[in-house]
Amino acid sequence: MSKKLKIFRMIELIIGIIGIVLPCILYFMDILSGAESGILTVVGVVIFNHAADLSNKDKTEKKI
């Protein structure tokens, strides 16, 4: 895997983690409503899972 692709995956993982944590914090600060917080958390989980799946796919391709 190229260095640029590794950096992109790390950025994607970080964005996913921020997308999971930040809506919860904003909800408890009464900046977001419950529905908005839930939607943003789902988006963060999807981004995080996408990056994790791509990383796992790369690891299995290297073993073959």
Protein backbone atom coordinates (compact mmCIF):
# COMPACT_ATOMS: atom_id res chain seq x y z
CA MET A 1 0.00 0.00 0.00
CA SER A 2 1.34 3.38 -0.93
CA LYS A 3 2.22 6.01 1.65
CA LYS A 4 -0.50 8.38 0.40
CA LEU A 5 -3.13 5.66 0.80
CA LYS A 6 -1.99 4.95 4.38
CA ILE A 7 -2.25 8.64 5.24
CA PHE A 8 -5.71 8.80 3.67
CA ARG A 9 -6.86 5.78 5.73
CA MET A 10 -5.53 7.33 8.94
CA ILE A 11 -7.35 10.58 8.19
CA GLU A 12 -10.53 8.62 7.46
CA LEU A 13 -10.24 6.75 10.77
CA ILE A 14 -9.70 10.00 12.68
CA ILE A 15 -12.71 11.63 10.98
CA GLY A 16 -14.79 8.58 11.86
CA ILE A 17 -13.78 8.72 15.52
CA ILE A 18 -14.50 12.45 15.67
CA GLY A 19 -17.84 11.80 13.98
CA ILE A 20 -18.74 9.32 16.72
CA VAL A 21 -17.58 11.34 19.74
CA LEU A 22 -18.35 14.95 18.78
CA PRO A 23 -22.15 14.60 18.35
CA CYS A 24 -22.42 13.08 21.83
CA ILE A 25 -20.55 16.01 23.35
CA LEU A 26 -22.59 18.56 21.41
CA TYR A 27 -25.82 16.83 22.46
CA PHE A 28 -24.98 17.05 26.14
CA MET A 29 -24.05 20.72 25.69
CA ASP A 30 -27.57 21.25 24.23
CA ILE A 31 -26.18 22.41 20.89
CA LEU A 32 -27.68 19.49 18.91
CA SER A 33 -31.03 17.81 19.28
CA GLY A 34 -31.26 14.07 19.85
CA ALA A 35 -32.13 13.29 16.23
CA GLU A 36 -29.28 15.39 14.83
CA SER A 37 -26.85 13.80 17.24
CA GLY A 38 -27.99 10.32 16.24
CA ILE A 39 -27.69 11.03 12.53
CA LEU A 40 -24.18 12.45 12.87
CA THR A 41 -23.11 9.51 15.04
CA VAL A 42 -24.36 7.06 12.40
CA VAL A 43 -22.38 8.92 9.74
CA GLY A 44 -19.26 8.72 11.93
CA VAL A 45 -19.76 4.97 12.47
CA VAL A 46 -20.17 4.39 8.73
CA ILE A 47 -16.97 6.32 7.93
CA PHE A 48 -15.05 4.48 10.66
CA ASN A 49 -16.30 1.05 9.52
CA HIS A 50 -15.46 1.85 5.90
CA ALA A 51 -11.88 2.73 6.80
CA ALA A 52 -11.55 -0.34 9.03
CA ASP A 53 -12.91 -2.64 6.31
CA LEU A 54 -10.48 -1.24 3.75
CA SER A 55 -7.59 -1.70 6.16
CA ASN A 56 -8.60 -5.31 6.83
CA LYS A 57 -8.96 -5.93 3.10
CA ASP A 58 -5.40 -4.70 2.52
CA LYS A 59 -4.06 -6.98 5.27
CA THR A 60 -5.71 -10.07 3.76
CA GLU A 61 -4.46 -9.22 0.25
CA LYS A 62 -0.88 -9.01 1.52
CA LYS A 63 -1.10 -12.52 3.05
CA ILE A 64 -2.24 -14.09 -0.23
